[in-house]
């Protein structure tokens, strides 16, 4: 699920960090060494800590990308003061940057609903769940009664829940189709009501699909009527 981010042009006064992973940065800025370490468990955790290891120059600017989905992100500077920063932009700290100084960016990676533009016909009336930058999906292996993901609908008025390292959504699952299907199936007059149940359905990261067993999966989940 692609996101469009604004890109900040190069500047000679500091370092920009676009992607978050444990790393060491050792660069020359304005002819002087500037070294940092980045500590994070992103995207599982939204905390990103940048520590100054060396600065042979003067005042420096550290710019960090705040993803478009990260509403409510907070930045804590070397002075310990925290502030909310705008999503979909870069946030910067300018300081003397002595060795041992740290800045921390906290990104809200809690699960959330994502909705498509209604003009996208294939996913109209659907919603997806993302946790931070990670797209989640439902797999039929996790549905009750051997149901298929085609028989799943979700209640997007209920916030996705995170429990014991998994994300759950409130859903309705069809366990048995009505028997009085017209001979003109799949079109025609209404059939008998389907039998189903309400359930908490677990979701998994899209990149982990089909790692337990072959199973149909679905990212865009139909909304319950």
N, C-alpha and C. Protein backbone atom coordinates (compact mmCIF):
# COMPACT_ATOMS: atom_id res chain seq x y z
N UNK A 1 0.87 -1.17 0.00
CA UNK A 1 0.00 0.00 0.00
C UNK A 1 0.91 1.23 0.00
N UNK A 2 1.08 1.85 -1.09
CA UNK A 2 2.06 2.92 -1.24
C UNK A 2 1.58 4.19 -0.55
N UNK A 3 2.56 4.92 -0.03
CA UNK A 3 2.29 6.22 0.57
C UNK A 3 3.14 7.26 -0.16
N UNK A 4 2.62 8.42 -0.37
CA UNK A 4 3.39 9.51 -0.97
C UNK A 4 3.89 10.42 0.14
N UNK A 5 5.22 10.56 0.23
CA UNK A 5 5.82 11.41 1.24
C UNK A 5 6.49 12.61 0.57
N UNK A 6 6.53 13.74 1.27
CA UNK A 6 7.30 14.87 0.78
C UNK A 6 8.78 14.59 1.00
N UNK A 7 9.59 15.01 0.05
CA UNK A 7 11.03 14.77 0.13
C UNK A 7 11.73 16.09 0.42
N UNK A 8 12.59 16.10 1.41
CA UNK A 8 13.34 17.30 1.76
C UNK A 8 14.65 17.30 0.99
N UNK A 9 15.01 18.43 0.38
CA UNK A 9 16.25 18.51 -0.37
C UNK A 9 17.46 18.50 0.55
N UNK A 10 18.65 18.24 0.00
CA UNK A 10 19.87 18.21 0.81
C UNK A 10 20.14 19.55 1.47
N UNK A 11 20.76 19.51 2.65
CA UNK A 11 21.24 20.74 3.24
C UNK A 11 22.62 20.47 3.82
N UNK A 12 23.44 21.49 3.89
CA UNK A 12 24.82 21.32 4.31
C UNK A 12 25.04 21.42 5.80
N UNK A 13 23.98 21.65 6.57
CA UNK A 13 24.17 21.89 7.99
C UNK A 13 23.90 20.72 8.90
N UNK A 14 23.54 19.58 8.33
CA UNK A 14 23.20 18.46 9.20
C UNK A 14 22.93 17.19 8.42
N UNK A 15 22.17 16.31 9.05
CA UNK A 15 21.87 14.99 8.50
C UNK A 15 20.37 14.76 8.52
N UNK A 16 19.87 14.18 7.44
CA UNK A 16 18.47 13.80 7.33
C UNK A 16 18.35 12.29 7.43
N UNK A 17 17.38 11.81 8.21
CA UNK A 17 17.14 10.37 8.34
C UNK A 17 15.77 10.09 7.76
N UNK A 18 15.76 9.32 6.67
CA UNK A 18 14.52 9.05 5.95
C UNK A 18 13.88 7.72 6.35
N UNK A 19 14.70 6.71 6.65
CA UNK A 19 14.20 5.38 6.99
C UNK A 19 14.77 4.98 8.35
N UNK A 20 13.99 4.19 9.10
CA UNK A 20 14.36 3.90 10.47
C UNK A 20 14.72 2.43 10.66
N UNK A 21 15.99 2.21 11.04
CA UNK A 21 16.51 0.88 11.33
C UNK A 21 17.74 1.06 12.21
N UNK A 22 18.07 0.08 13.03
CA UNK A 22 19.31 0.20 13.81
C UNK A 22 20.50 0.43 12.89
N UNK A 23 21.26 1.49 13.14
CA UNK A 23 22.30 1.85 12.18
C UNK A 23 23.30 2.80 12.81
N UNK A 24 24.43 2.93 12.11
CA UNK A 24 25.46 3.90 12.47
C UNK A 24 25.67 4.83 11.28
N UNK A 25 25.70 6.12 11.55
CA UNK A 25 25.91 7.13 10.51
C UNK A 25 27.19 7.87 10.85
N UNK A 26 28.15 7.85 9.95
CA UNK A 26 29.41 8.56 10.16
C UNK A 26 29.66 9.39 8.90
N UNK A 27 29.45 10.69 9.00
CA UNK A 27 29.45 11.54 7.81
C UNK A 27 30.34 12.76 8.04
N UNK A 28 30.62 13.42 6.93
CA UNK A 28 31.32 14.70 6.97
C UNK A 28 30.34 15.80 6.61
N UNK A 29 30.14 16.73 7.52
CA UNK A 29 29.20 17.83 7.32
C UNK A 29 29.98 19.14 7.43
N UNK A 30 29.96 19.92 6.37
CA UNK A 30 30.72 21.18 6.33
C UNK A 30 32.19 20.95 6.68
N UNK A 31 32.74 19.83 6.19
CA UNK A 31 34.15 19.55 6.39
C UNK A 31 34.51 18.97 7.74
N UNK A 32 33.51 18.68 8.60
CA UNK A 32 33.79 18.16 9.93
C UNK A 32 33.00 16.87 10.16
N UNK A 33 33.57 15.99 10.96
CA UNK A 33 32.92 14.69 11.23
C UNK A 33 31.69 14.88 12.10
N UNK A 34 30.64 14.15 11.72
CA UNK A 34 29.39 14.13 12.50
C UNK A 34 28.90 12.69 12.48
N UNK A 35 28.88 12.04 13.65
CA UNK A 35 28.55 10.62 13.73
C UNK A 35 27.36 10.40 14.66
N UNK A 36 26.46 9.53 14.25
CA UNK A 36 25.24 9.22 15.00
C UNK A 36 25.03 7.72 15.05
N UNK A 37 24.28 7.27 16.05
CA UNK A 37 23.73 5.91 16.03
C UNK A 37 22.22 6.01 16.16
N UNK A 38 21.54 5.11 15.49
CA UNK A 38 20.07 5.05 15.52
C UNK A 38 19.68 3.73 16.18
N UNK A 39 18.88 3.81 17.23
CA UNK A 39 18.39 2.62 17.93
C UNK A 39 16.87 2.57 17.81
N UNK A 40 16.34 1.47 17.32
CA UNK A 40 14.89 1.34 17.15
C UNK A 40 14.51 -0.11 16.88
N UNK A 41 13.26 -0.45 17.20
CA UNK A 41 12.69 -1.73 16.81
C UNK A 41 11.59 -1.51 15.77
N UNK A 42 11.60 -0.35 15.14
CA UNK A 42 10.61 -0.01 14.12
C UNK A 42 10.62 -1.06 13.01
N UNK A 43 9.46 -1.48 12.47
CA UNK A 43 8.12 -0.93 12.71
C UNK A 43 7.33 -1.61 13.82
N UNK A 44 7.92 -2.63 14.48
CA UNK A 44 7.18 -3.26 15.58
C UNK A 44 6.92 -2.26 16.70
N UNK A 45 7.87 -1.36 16.93
CA UNK A 45 7.74 -0.33 17.95
C UNK A 45 8.02 1.02 17.30
N UNK A 46 7.35 2.05 17.76
CA UNK A 46 7.46 3.35 17.10
C UNK A 46 8.52 4.28 17.67
N UNK A 47 9.30 3.83 18.66
CA UNK A 47 10.31 4.69 19.26
C UNK A 47 11.60 4.63 18.44
N UNK A 48 12.12 5.81 18.08
CA UNK A 48 13.37 5.94 17.33
C UNK A 48 14.27 6.89 18.11
N UNK A 49 15.42 6.39 18.57
CA UNK A 49 16.36 7.22 19.33
C UNK A 49 17.62 7.45 18.51
N UNK A 50 17.99 8.72 18.35
CA UNK A 50 19.19 9.11 17.61
C UNK A 50 20.18 9.70 18.62
N UNK A 51 21.36 9.08 18.71
CA UNK A 51 22.37 9.50 19.68
C UNK A 51 23.58 10.08 18.95
N UNK A 52 24.04 11.21 19.43
CA UNK A 52 25.25 11.82 18.87
C UNK A 52 26.48 11.11 19.42
N UNK A 53 27.32 10.58 18.54
CA UNK A 53 28.55 9.91 18.95
C UNK A 53 29.76 10.82 18.81
N UNK A 54 29.75 11.66 17.80
CA UNK A 54 30.87 12.58 17.59
C UNK A 54 30.39 13.78 16.79
N UNK A 55 30.92 14.95 17.14
CA UNK A 55 30.62 16.16 16.37
C UNK A 55 31.84 17.07 16.45
N UNK A 56 32.57 17.13 15.37
CA UNK A 56 33.79 17.94 15.34
C UNK A 56 33.54 19.34 14.78
N UNK A 57 32.25 19.63 14.53
CA UNK A 57 31.88 20.96 14.07
C UNK A 57 31.11 21.69 15.14
N UNK A 58 30.25 22.61 14.73
CA UNK A 58 29.47 23.39 15.68
C UNK A 58 28.03 22.93 15.72
N UNK A 59 27.13 23.87 15.62
CA UNK A 59 25.70 23.58 15.67
C UNK A 59 25.29 22.74 14.46
N UNK A 60 24.47 21.72 14.71
CA UNK A 60 24.02 20.82 13.65
C UNK A 60 22.49 20.71 13.66
N UNK A 61 21.96 20.32 12.50
CA UNK A 61 20.52 20.08 12.37
C UNK A 61 20.30 18.61 12.02
N UNK A 62 19.49 17.94 12.81
CA UNK A 62 19.08 16.57 12.53
C UNK A 62 17.61 16.59 12.12
N UNK A 63 17.34 16.11 10.90
CA UNK A 63 15.97 16.11 10.35
C UNK A 63 15.47 14.69 10.25
N UNK A 64 14.29 14.45 10.75
CA UNK A 64 13.69 13.11 10.76
C UNK A 64 12.37 13.13 10.02
N UNK A 65 12.16 12.14 9.19
CA UNK A 65 10.91 12.04 8.43
C UNK A 65 9.78 11.52 9.31
N UNK A 66 8.66 12.21 9.27
CA UNK A 66 7.45 11.77 9.98
C UNK A 66 6.47 11.27 8.93
N UNK A 67 6.15 9.97 8.90
CA UNK A 67 5.27 9.44 7.85
C UNK A 67 3.89 10.09 7.86
N UNK A 68 3.22 10.01 6.72
CA UNK A 68 1.91 10.65 6.58
C UNK A 68 0.85 10.06 7.50
N UNK A 69 1.01 8.80 7.88
CA UNK A 69 0.01 8.15 8.75
C UNK A 69 0.22 8.48 10.23
N UNK A 70 1.35 9.12 10.58
CA UNK A 70 1.76 9.23 11.98
C UNK A 70 1.19 10.46 12.68
N UNK A 71 -0.12 10.62 12.66
CA UNK A 71 -0.76 11.73 13.38
C UNK A 71 -0.52 11.56 14.88
N UNK A 72 -0.06 12.62 15.51
CA UNK A 72 0.20 12.55 16.94
C UNK A 72 1.62 12.16 17.29
N UNK A 73 2.51 12.07 16.30
CA UNK A 73 3.91 11.76 16.59
C UNK A 73 4.51 12.84 17.48
N UNK A 74 5.48 12.43 18.31
CA UNK A 74 6.11 13.38 19.23
C UNK A 74 7.63 13.28 19.12
N UNK A 75 8.27 14.45 19.26
CA UNK A 75 9.72 14.55 19.19
C UNK A 75 10.23 15.11 20.50
N UNK A 76 11.23 14.42 21.06
CA UNK A 76 11.87 14.89 22.29
C UNK A 76 13.30 15.30 21.96
N UNK A 77 13.66 16.55 22.25
CA UNK A 77 14.99 17.06 21.92
C UNK A 77 16.01 16.74 22.99
N UNK A 78 17.28 17.13 22.78
CA UNK A 78 18.33 16.88 23.77
C UNK A 78 18.05 17.52 25.13
N UNK A 79 17.22 18.55 25.14
CA UNK A 79 16.89 19.22 26.41
C UNK A 79 15.79 18.50 27.18
N UNK A 80 15.25 17.42 26.61
CA UNK A 80 14.21 16.65 27.29
C UNK A 80 12.80 17.14 27.05
N UNK A 81 12.65 18.23 26.31
CA UNK A 81 11.32 18.77 26.04
C UNK A 81 10.69 18.04 24.84
N UNK A 82 9.43 17.65 25.01
CA UNK A 82 8.72 16.92 23.96
C UNK A 82 7.69 17.83 23.31
N UNK A 83 7.48 17.62 22.00
CA UNK A 83 6.47 18.39 21.28
C UNK A 83 5.85 17.51 20.21
N UNK A 84 4.60 17.78 19.89
CA UNK A 84 3.92 17.08 18.80
C UNK A 84 4.42 17.63 17.47
N UNK A 85 4.64 16.74 16.51
CA UNK A 85 5.15 17.14 15.21
C UNK A 85 4.17 16.73 14.12
N UNK A 86 4.24 17.45 13.00
CA UNK A 86 3.28 17.25 11.92
C UNK A 86 3.59 15.96 11.15
N UNK A 87 2.52 15.26 10.78
CA UNK A 87 2.67 14.06 9.96
C UNK A 87 2.86 14.45 8.50
N UNK A 88 3.55 13.59 7.75
CA UNK A 88 3.75 13.82 6.33
C UNK A 88 4.77 14.88 6.03
N UNK A 89 5.71 15.12 6.92
CA UNK A 89 6.73 16.15 6.73
C UNK A 89 7.99 15.74 7.46
N UNK A 90 9.00 16.60 7.40
CA UNK A 90 10.21 16.39 8.19
C UNK A 90 10.15 17.27 9.42
N UNK A 91 10.69 16.77 10.51
CA UNK A 91 10.84 17.57 11.72
C UNK A 91 12.32 17.66 12.03
N UNK A 92 12.75 18.77 12.57
CA UNK A 92 14.18 19.01 12.74
C UNK A 92 14.50 19.51 14.14
N UNK A 93 15.70 19.15 14.59
CA UNK A 93 16.26 19.67 15.83
C UNK A 93 17.60 20.29 15.48
N UNK A 94 17.81 21.54 15.87
CA UNK A 94 19.08 22.22 15.68
C UNK A 94 19.69 22.49 17.05
N UNK A 95 20.90 21.97 17.25
CA UNK A 95 21.52 22.09 18.57
C UNK A 95 23.04 21.98 18.42
N UNK A 96 23.73 22.23 19.53
CA UNK A 96 25.19 22.11 19.53
C UNK A 96 25.62 20.67 19.30
N UNK A 97 24.78 19.70 19.64
CA UNK A 97 25.00 18.28 19.37
C UNK A 97 26.32 17.78 19.97
N UNK A 98 26.35 17.73 21.28
CA UNK A 98 27.52 17.18 21.97
C UNK A 98 27.42 15.65 22.02
N UNK A 99 28.53 14.94 22.05
CA UNK A 99 28.49 13.48 22.17
C UNK A 99 27.67 13.06 23.39
N UNK A 100 26.79 12.11 23.18
CA UNK A 100 25.89 11.66 24.23
C UNK A 100 24.51 12.28 24.16
N UNK A 101 24.36 13.39 23.44
CA UNK A 101 23.03 13.98 23.26
C UNK A 101 22.13 13.02 22.48
N UNK A 102 20.85 13.01 22.82
CA UNK A 102 19.90 12.14 22.14
C UNK A 102 18.65 12.93 21.76
N UNK A 103 18.08 12.55 20.64
CA UNK A 103 16.72 12.99 20.31
C UNK A 103 15.90 11.73 20.09
N UNK A 104 14.62 11.83 20.37
CA UNK A 104 13.75 10.65 20.27
C UNK A 104 12.48 11.04 19.51
N UNK A 105 12.16 10.22 18.53
CA UNK A 105 10.91 10.37 17.77
C UNK A 105 10.01 9.21 18.13
N UNK A 106 8.79 9.51 18.56
CA UNK A 106 7.82 8.47 18.90
C UNK A 106 6.70 8.49 17.88
N UNK A 107 6.63 7.41 17.08
CA UNK A 107 5.61 7.28 16.05
C UNK A 107 4.49 6.38 16.56
N UNK A 108 3.23 6.79 16.39
CA UNK A 108 2.10 6.00 16.90
C UNK A 108 1.80 4.82 15.98
N UNK A 109 2.30 3.64 16.31
CA UNK A 109 2.12 2.48 15.44
C UNK A 109 0.91 1.62 15.84
N UNK A 110 -0.02 2.20 16.58
CA UNK A 110 -1.22 1.44 16.93
C UNK A 110 -2.03 1.14 15.66
N UNK A 111 -2.78 0.03 15.63
CA UNK A 111 -3.54 -0.32 14.43
C UNK A 111 -4.67 0.67 14.17
N UNK A 112 -4.98 0.87 12.88
CA UNK A 112 -5.99 1.85 12.50
C UNK A 112 -6.67 1.39 11.21
N UNK A 113 -7.88 1.86 11.00
CA UNK A 113 -8.60 1.60 9.75
C UNK A 113 -8.10 2.55 8.66
N UNK A 114 -8.04 2.04 7.46
CA UNK A 114 -7.73 2.83 6.26
C UNK A 114 -8.84 2.62 5.25
N UNK A 115 -9.32 3.70 4.65
CA UNK A 115 -10.45 3.62 3.73
C UNK A 115 -10.03 4.07 2.33
N UNK A 116 -10.54 3.41 1.30
CA UNK A 116 -10.20 3.81 -0.07
C UNK A 116 -11.08 4.94 -0.56
N UNK A 117 -10.62 5.63 -1.59
CA UNK A 117 -11.48 6.58 -2.27
C UNK A 117 -12.67 5.80 -2.86
N UNK A 118 -13.91 6.27 -2.67
CA UNK A 118 -15.08 5.51 -3.14
C UNK A 118 -15.14 5.34 -4.65
N UNK A 119 -14.30 6.09 -5.39
CA UNK A 119 -14.30 5.93 -6.84
C UNK A 119 -13.47 4.73 -7.30
N UNK A 120 -12.79 4.07 -6.35
CA UNK A 120 -12.05 2.85 -6.71
C UNK A 120 -13.04 1.70 -6.63
N UNK A 121 -13.54 1.29 -7.76
CA UNK A 121 -14.66 0.36 -7.81
C UNK A 121 -14.35 -0.96 -7.11
N UNK A 122 -13.13 -1.48 -7.29
CA UNK A 122 -12.82 -2.82 -6.79
C UNK A 122 -12.86 -2.92 -5.27
N UNK A 123 -12.66 -1.80 -4.56
CA UNK A 123 -12.63 -1.86 -3.10
C UNK A 123 -13.64 -0.91 -2.47
N UNK A 124 -14.61 -0.48 -3.26
CA UNK A 124 -15.68 0.37 -2.70
C UNK A 124 -16.42 -0.43 -1.63
N UNK A 125 -16.71 0.23 -0.51
CA UNK A 125 -17.42 -0.45 0.57
C UNK A 125 -16.53 -1.36 1.39
N UNK A 126 -15.22 -1.15 1.31
CA UNK A 126 -14.28 -1.97 2.06
C UNK A 126 -13.39 -1.08 2.94
N UNK A 127 -12.64 -1.70 3.82
CA UNK A 127 -11.64 -1.02 4.63
C UNK A 127 -10.49 -1.98 4.87
N UNK A 128 -9.34 -1.43 5.16
CA UNK A 128 -8.16 -2.23 5.48
C UNK A 128 -7.63 -1.77 6.84
N UNK A 129 -6.76 -2.58 7.41
CA UNK A 129 -6.14 -2.24 8.69
C UNK A 129 -4.63 -2.14 8.49
N UNK A 130 -4.06 -1.05 9.00
CA UNK A 130 -2.62 -0.87 9.00
C UNK A 130 -2.15 -0.66 10.44
N UNK A 131 -0.96 -1.15 10.71
CA UNK A 131 -0.32 -0.88 12.00
C UNK A 131 1.00 -0.20 11.70
N UNK A 132 1.06 1.11 11.96
CA UNK A 132 2.21 1.85 11.49
C UNK A 132 2.28 1.76 9.97
N UNK A 133 3.44 1.39 9.41
CA UNK A 133 3.55 1.26 7.96
C UNK A 133 3.18 -0.13 7.45
N UNK A 134 2.81 -1.04 8.36
CA UNK A 134 2.59 -2.44 7.99
C UNK A 134 1.12 -2.67 7.64
N UNK A 135 0.88 -3.23 6.47
CA UNK A 135 -0.47 -3.58 6.03
C UNK A 135 -0.81 -4.96 6.56
N UNK A 136 -2.02 -5.10 7.11
CA UNK A 136 -2.47 -6.36 7.67
C UNK A 136 -3.48 -7.02 6.74
N UNK A 137 -3.69 -8.31 6.95
CA UNK A 137 -4.68 -9.04 6.15
C UNK A 137 -5.33 -10.12 7.00
N UNK A 138 -6.46 -10.60 6.54
CA UNK A 138 -7.15 -11.74 7.15
C UNK A 138 -6.85 -12.98 6.33
N UNK A 139 -6.59 -14.08 7.01
CA UNK A 139 -6.39 -15.37 6.34
C UNK A 139 -7.48 -16.32 6.76
N UNK A 140 -7.95 -17.13 5.82
CA UNK A 140 -9.06 -18.04 6.12
C UNK A 140 -8.69 -19.03 7.23
N UNK A 141 -7.41 -19.31 7.40
CA UNK A 141 -6.98 -20.25 8.44
C UNK A 141 -7.36 -19.76 9.84
N UNK A 142 -7.59 -18.45 9.99
CA UNK A 142 -7.92 -17.87 11.29
C UNK A 142 -9.42 -17.68 11.50
N UNK A 143 -10.24 -18.01 10.52
CA UNK A 143 -11.68 -17.76 10.64
C UNK A 143 -12.38 -18.96 11.27
N UNK A 144 -13.43 -18.71 12.05
CA UNK A 144 -14.12 -19.82 12.73
C UNK A 144 -14.92 -20.66 11.75
N UNK A 145 -15.09 -21.92 12.10
CA UNK A 145 -15.96 -22.81 11.35
C UNK A 145 -15.52 -23.11 9.94
N UNK A 146 -14.24 -22.91 9.63
CA UNK A 146 -13.77 -23.17 8.29
C UNK A 146 -14.28 -22.19 7.26
N UNK A 147 -14.69 -21.01 7.70
CA UNK A 147 -15.22 -20.00 6.76
C UNK A 147 -14.11 -19.50 5.86
N UNK A 148 -14.53 -18.89 4.75
CA UNK A 148 -13.59 -18.32 3.79
C UNK A 148 -13.56 -16.81 3.96
N UNK A 149 -12.46 -16.18 3.53
CA UNK A 149 -12.39 -14.72 3.65
C UNK A 149 -13.44 -14.03 2.79
N UNK A 150 -13.98 -14.70 1.80
CA UNK A 150 -15.06 -14.12 0.99
C UNK A 150 -16.34 -13.99 1.80
N UNK A 151 -16.42 -14.67 2.93
CA UNK A 151 -17.61 -14.64 3.77
C UNK A 151 -17.42 -13.79 5.02
N UNK A 152 -16.52 -12.82 4.94
CA UNK A 152 -16.17 -11.99 6.08
C UNK A 152 -16.60 -10.55 5.85
N UNK A 153 -17.16 -9.92 6.86
CA UNK A 153 -17.43 -8.49 6.82
C UNK A 153 -17.04 -7.91 8.17
N UNK A 154 -16.64 -6.63 8.19
CA UNK A 154 -16.08 -6.05 9.41
C UNK A 154 -16.85 -4.83 9.86
N UNK A 155 -16.76 -4.55 11.14
CA UNK A 155 -17.39 -3.38 11.74
C UNK A 155 -16.31 -2.33 11.95
N UNK A 156 -16.22 -1.36 11.04
CA UNK A 156 -15.17 -0.35 11.12
C UNK A 156 -15.48 0.73 12.15
N UNK A 157 -16.65 0.67 12.80
CA UNK A 157 -16.92 1.62 13.88
C UNK A 157 -16.21 1.20 15.16
N UNK A 158 -15.74 -0.04 15.21
CA UNK A 158 -15.00 -0.54 16.36
C UNK A 158 -13.50 -0.45 16.07
N UNK A 159 -12.77 0.15 16.98
CA UNK A 159 -11.33 0.32 16.79
C UNK A 159 -10.64 -1.04 16.81
N UNK A 160 -9.71 -1.31 15.88
CA UNK A 160 -8.96 -2.57 15.94
C UNK A 160 -8.24 -2.68 17.28
N UNK A 161 -8.24 -3.89 17.84
CA UNK A 161 -7.63 -4.11 19.14
C UNK A 161 -6.30 -4.83 18.98
N UNK A 162 -5.35 -4.49 19.83
CA UNK A 162 -4.06 -5.18 19.85
C UNK A 162 -3.94 -5.90 21.18
N UNK A 163 -3.73 -7.20 21.12
CA UNK A 163 -3.69 -8.00 22.34
C UNK A 163 -2.72 -9.17 22.15
N UNK A 164 -1.81 -9.30 23.09
CA UNK A 164 -0.84 -10.40 23.05
C UNK A 164 -0.09 -10.46 21.72
N UNK A 165 0.25 -9.29 21.20
CA UNK A 165 1.04 -9.23 19.98
C UNK A 165 0.27 -9.45 18.70
N UNK A 166 -1.07 -9.52 18.77
CA UNK A 166 -1.88 -9.70 17.56
C UNK A 166 -2.93 -8.60 17.48
N UNK A 167 -3.40 -8.35 16.27
CA UNK A 167 -4.43 -7.34 16.04
C UNK A 167 -5.74 -8.04 15.70
N UNK A 168 -6.83 -7.58 16.30
CA UNK A 168 -8.14 -8.19 16.10
C UNK A 168 -9.14 -7.13 15.62
N UNK A 169 -10.08 -7.55 14.78
CA UNK A 169 -11.17 -6.69 14.37
C UNK A 169 -12.49 -7.38 14.66
N UNK A 170 -13.53 -6.57 14.89
CA UNK A 170 -14.87 -7.11 15.08
C UNK A 170 -15.46 -7.41 13.70
N UNK A 171 -15.97 -8.62 13.54
CA UNK A 171 -16.41 -9.05 12.21
C UNK A 171 -17.63 -9.95 12.31
N UNK A 172 -18.31 -10.03 11.19
CA UNK A 172 -19.35 -11.02 11.01
C UNK A 172 -18.85 -12.06 10.03
N UNK A 173 -19.05 -13.33 10.35
CA UNK A 173 -18.55 -14.42 9.51
C UNK A 173 -19.71 -15.31 9.12
N UNK A 174 -19.89 -15.49 7.81
CA UNK A 174 -20.94 -16.37 7.32
C UNK A 174 -20.46 -17.82 7.45
N UNK A 175 -21.21 -18.62 8.20
CA UNK A 175 -20.84 -20.03 8.38
C UNK A 175 -21.61 -20.93 7.42
N UNK A 176 -22.79 -20.49 7.01
CA UNK A 176 -23.59 -21.30 6.10
C UNK A 176 -24.47 -20.40 5.25
N UNK A 177 -24.42 -20.60 3.97
CA UNK A 177 -25.24 -19.82 3.05
C UNK A 177 -26.69 -20.29 3.07
N UNK A 178 -27.60 -19.33 2.80
CA UNK A 178 -29.01 -19.70 2.69
C UNK A 178 -29.22 -20.77 1.63
N UNK A 179 -30.15 -21.68 1.87
CA UNK A 179 -30.33 -22.83 0.98
C UNK A 179 -31.18 -22.51 -0.24
N UNK A 180 -32.02 -21.52 -0.15
CA UNK A 180 -32.97 -21.25 -1.23
C UNK A 180 -32.36 -20.32 -2.27
N UNK A 181 -31.29 -20.75 -2.87
CA UNK A 181 -30.66 -19.95 -3.92
C UNK A 181 -31.43 -20.12 -5.22
N UNK A 182 -31.72 -19.02 -5.91
CA UNK A 182 -32.46 -19.14 -7.17
C UNK A 182 -31.61 -19.79 -8.24
N UNK A 183 -32.28 -20.37 -9.22
CA UNK A 183 -31.56 -21.01 -10.31
C UNK A 183 -30.76 -20.02 -11.14
N UNK A 184 -31.06 -18.74 -11.00
CA UNK A 184 -30.35 -17.72 -11.77
C UNK A 184 -29.09 -17.23 -11.06
N UNK A 185 -28.65 -17.95 -10.01
CA UNK A 185 -27.46 -17.53 -9.26
C UNK A 185 -26.32 -17.24 -10.22
N UNK A 186 -25.55 -16.16 -10.04
CA UNK A 186 -25.47 -15.35 -8.82
C UNK A 186 -26.37 -14.14 -8.79
N UNK A 187 -27.29 -14.01 -9.75
CA UNK A 187 -28.19 -12.85 -9.79
C UNK A 187 -29.62 -13.33 -9.63
N UNK A 188 -30.49 -12.45 -9.16
CA UNK A 188 -31.89 -12.81 -9.04
C UNK A 188 -32.50 -12.25 -7.78
N UNK A 189 -33.64 -12.75 -7.37
CA UNK A 189 -34.31 -12.26 -6.16
C UNK A 189 -33.53 -12.66 -4.92
N UNK A 190 -33.85 -12.04 -3.79
CA UNK A 190 -33.13 -12.36 -2.55
C UNK A 190 -33.27 -13.83 -2.18
N UNK A 191 -32.20 -14.40 -1.66
CA UNK A 191 -32.22 -15.77 -1.17
C UNK A 191 -32.50 -15.76 0.32
N UNK A 192 -32.62 -16.93 0.90
CA UNK A 192 -32.82 -17.04 2.34
C UNK A 192 -31.63 -16.45 3.08
N UNK A 193 -31.88 -16.02 4.30
CA UNK A 193 -30.83 -15.38 5.08
C UNK A 193 -29.67 -16.33 5.33
N UNK A 194 -28.46 -15.79 5.27
CA UNK A 194 -27.28 -16.59 5.59
C UNK A 194 -27.16 -16.75 7.10
N UNK A 195 -26.60 -17.89 7.51
CA UNK A 195 -26.34 -18.11 8.92
C UNK A 195 -24.90 -17.73 9.23
N UNK A 196 -24.74 -16.91 10.25
CA UNK A 196 -23.40 -16.45 10.57
C UNK A 196 -23.27 -16.18 12.05
N UNK A 197 -22.13 -15.61 12.42
CA UNK A 197 -21.86 -15.28 13.82
C UNK A 197 -20.94 -14.08 13.87
N UNK A 198 -20.98 -13.40 15.02
CA UNK A 198 -20.03 -12.32 15.27
C UNK A 198 -18.78 -12.91 15.90
N UNK A 199 -17.64 -12.35 15.55
CA UNK A 199 -16.39 -12.90 16.05
C UNK A 199 -15.32 -11.83 16.07
N UNK A 200 -14.32 -12.05 16.90
CA UNK A 200 -13.09 -11.27 16.84
C UNK A 200 -12.14 -12.01 15.92
N UNK A 201 -11.78 -11.39 14.83
CA UNK A 201 -10.95 -12.05 13.82
C UNK A 201 -9.52 -11.50 13.91
N UNK A 202 -8.53 -12.36 14.04
CA UNK A 202 -7.14 -11.88 14.07
C UNK A 202 -6.63 -11.57 12.67
N UNK A 203 -5.79 -10.56 12.58
CA UNK A 203 -5.14 -10.20 11.33
C UNK A 203 -3.63 -10.43 11.46
N UNK A 204 -2.98 -10.63 10.33
CA UNK A 204 -1.54 -10.82 10.33
C UNK A 204 -0.91 -9.85 9.33
N UNK A 205 0.38 -9.53 9.47
CA UNK A 205 1.03 -8.70 8.46
C UNK A 205 0.95 -9.35 7.09
N UNK A 206 0.68 -8.54 6.08
CA UNK A 206 0.54 -9.05 4.72
C UNK A 206 1.77 -9.83 4.28
N UNK A 207 2.95 -9.38 4.70
CA UNK A 207 4.17 -10.06 4.25
C UNK A 207 4.36 -11.43 4.89
N UNK A 208 3.54 -11.76 5.91
CA UNK A 208 3.61 -13.09 6.53
C UNK A 208 2.52 -14.03 6.04
N UNK A 209 1.76 -13.63 5.03
CA UNK A 209 0.69 -14.49 4.53
C UNK A 209 1.28 -15.79 3.99
N UNK A 210 0.47 -16.88 4.09
CA UNK A 210 0.82 -18.19 3.53
C UNK A 210 2.11 -18.76 4.12
N UNK A 211 2.47 -18.35 5.33
CA UNK A 211 3.65 -18.93 5.96
C UNK A 211 3.31 -20.07 6.91
N UNK A 212 2.02 -20.22 7.24
CA UNK A 212 1.61 -21.31 8.12
C UNK A 212 1.04 -22.48 7.32
N UNK A 213 0.30 -22.15 6.27
CA UNK A 213 -0.31 -23.16 5.41
C UNK A 213 -0.89 -22.41 4.21
N UNK A 214 -1.12 -23.10 3.08
CA UNK A 214 -1.81 -22.43 1.98
C UNK A 214 -3.19 -21.99 2.44
N UNK A 215 -3.51 -20.71 2.23
CA UNK A 215 -4.79 -20.18 2.72
C UNK A 215 -5.15 -18.93 1.95
N UNK A 216 -6.42 -18.77 1.53
CA UNK A 216 -6.85 -17.51 0.93
C UNK A 216 -6.69 -16.38 1.95
N UNK A 217 -6.39 -15.19 1.45
CA UNK A 217 -6.24 -14.03 2.34
C UNK A 217 -6.93 -12.84 1.69
N UNK A 218 -7.15 -11.81 2.51
CA UNK A 218 -7.81 -10.61 2.01
C UNK A 218 -7.31 -9.40 2.80
N UNK A 219 -6.91 -8.35 2.07
CA UNK A 219 -6.50 -7.09 2.70
C UNK A 219 -7.69 -6.16 2.85
N UNK A 220 -8.41 -5.92 1.75
CA UNK A 220 -9.57 -5.04 1.78
C UNK A 220 -10.78 -5.85 2.22
N UNK A 221 -11.35 -5.47 3.37
CA UNK A 221 -12.40 -6.26 4.03
C UNK A 221 -13.74 -5.53 3.84
N UNK A 222 -14.77 -6.23 3.33
CA UNK A 222 -16.07 -5.59 3.15
C UNK A 222 -16.64 -5.08 4.47
N UNK A 223 -17.26 -3.92 4.42
CA UNK A 223 -17.88 -3.35 5.61
C UNK A 223 -19.24 -4.01 5.86
N UNK A 224 -19.50 -4.30 7.12
CA UNK A 224 -20.79 -4.88 7.49
C UNK A 224 -21.90 -3.86 7.22
N UNK A 225 -23.04 -4.33 6.72
CA UNK A 225 -24.15 -3.40 6.46
C UNK A 225 -24.68 -2.76 7.74
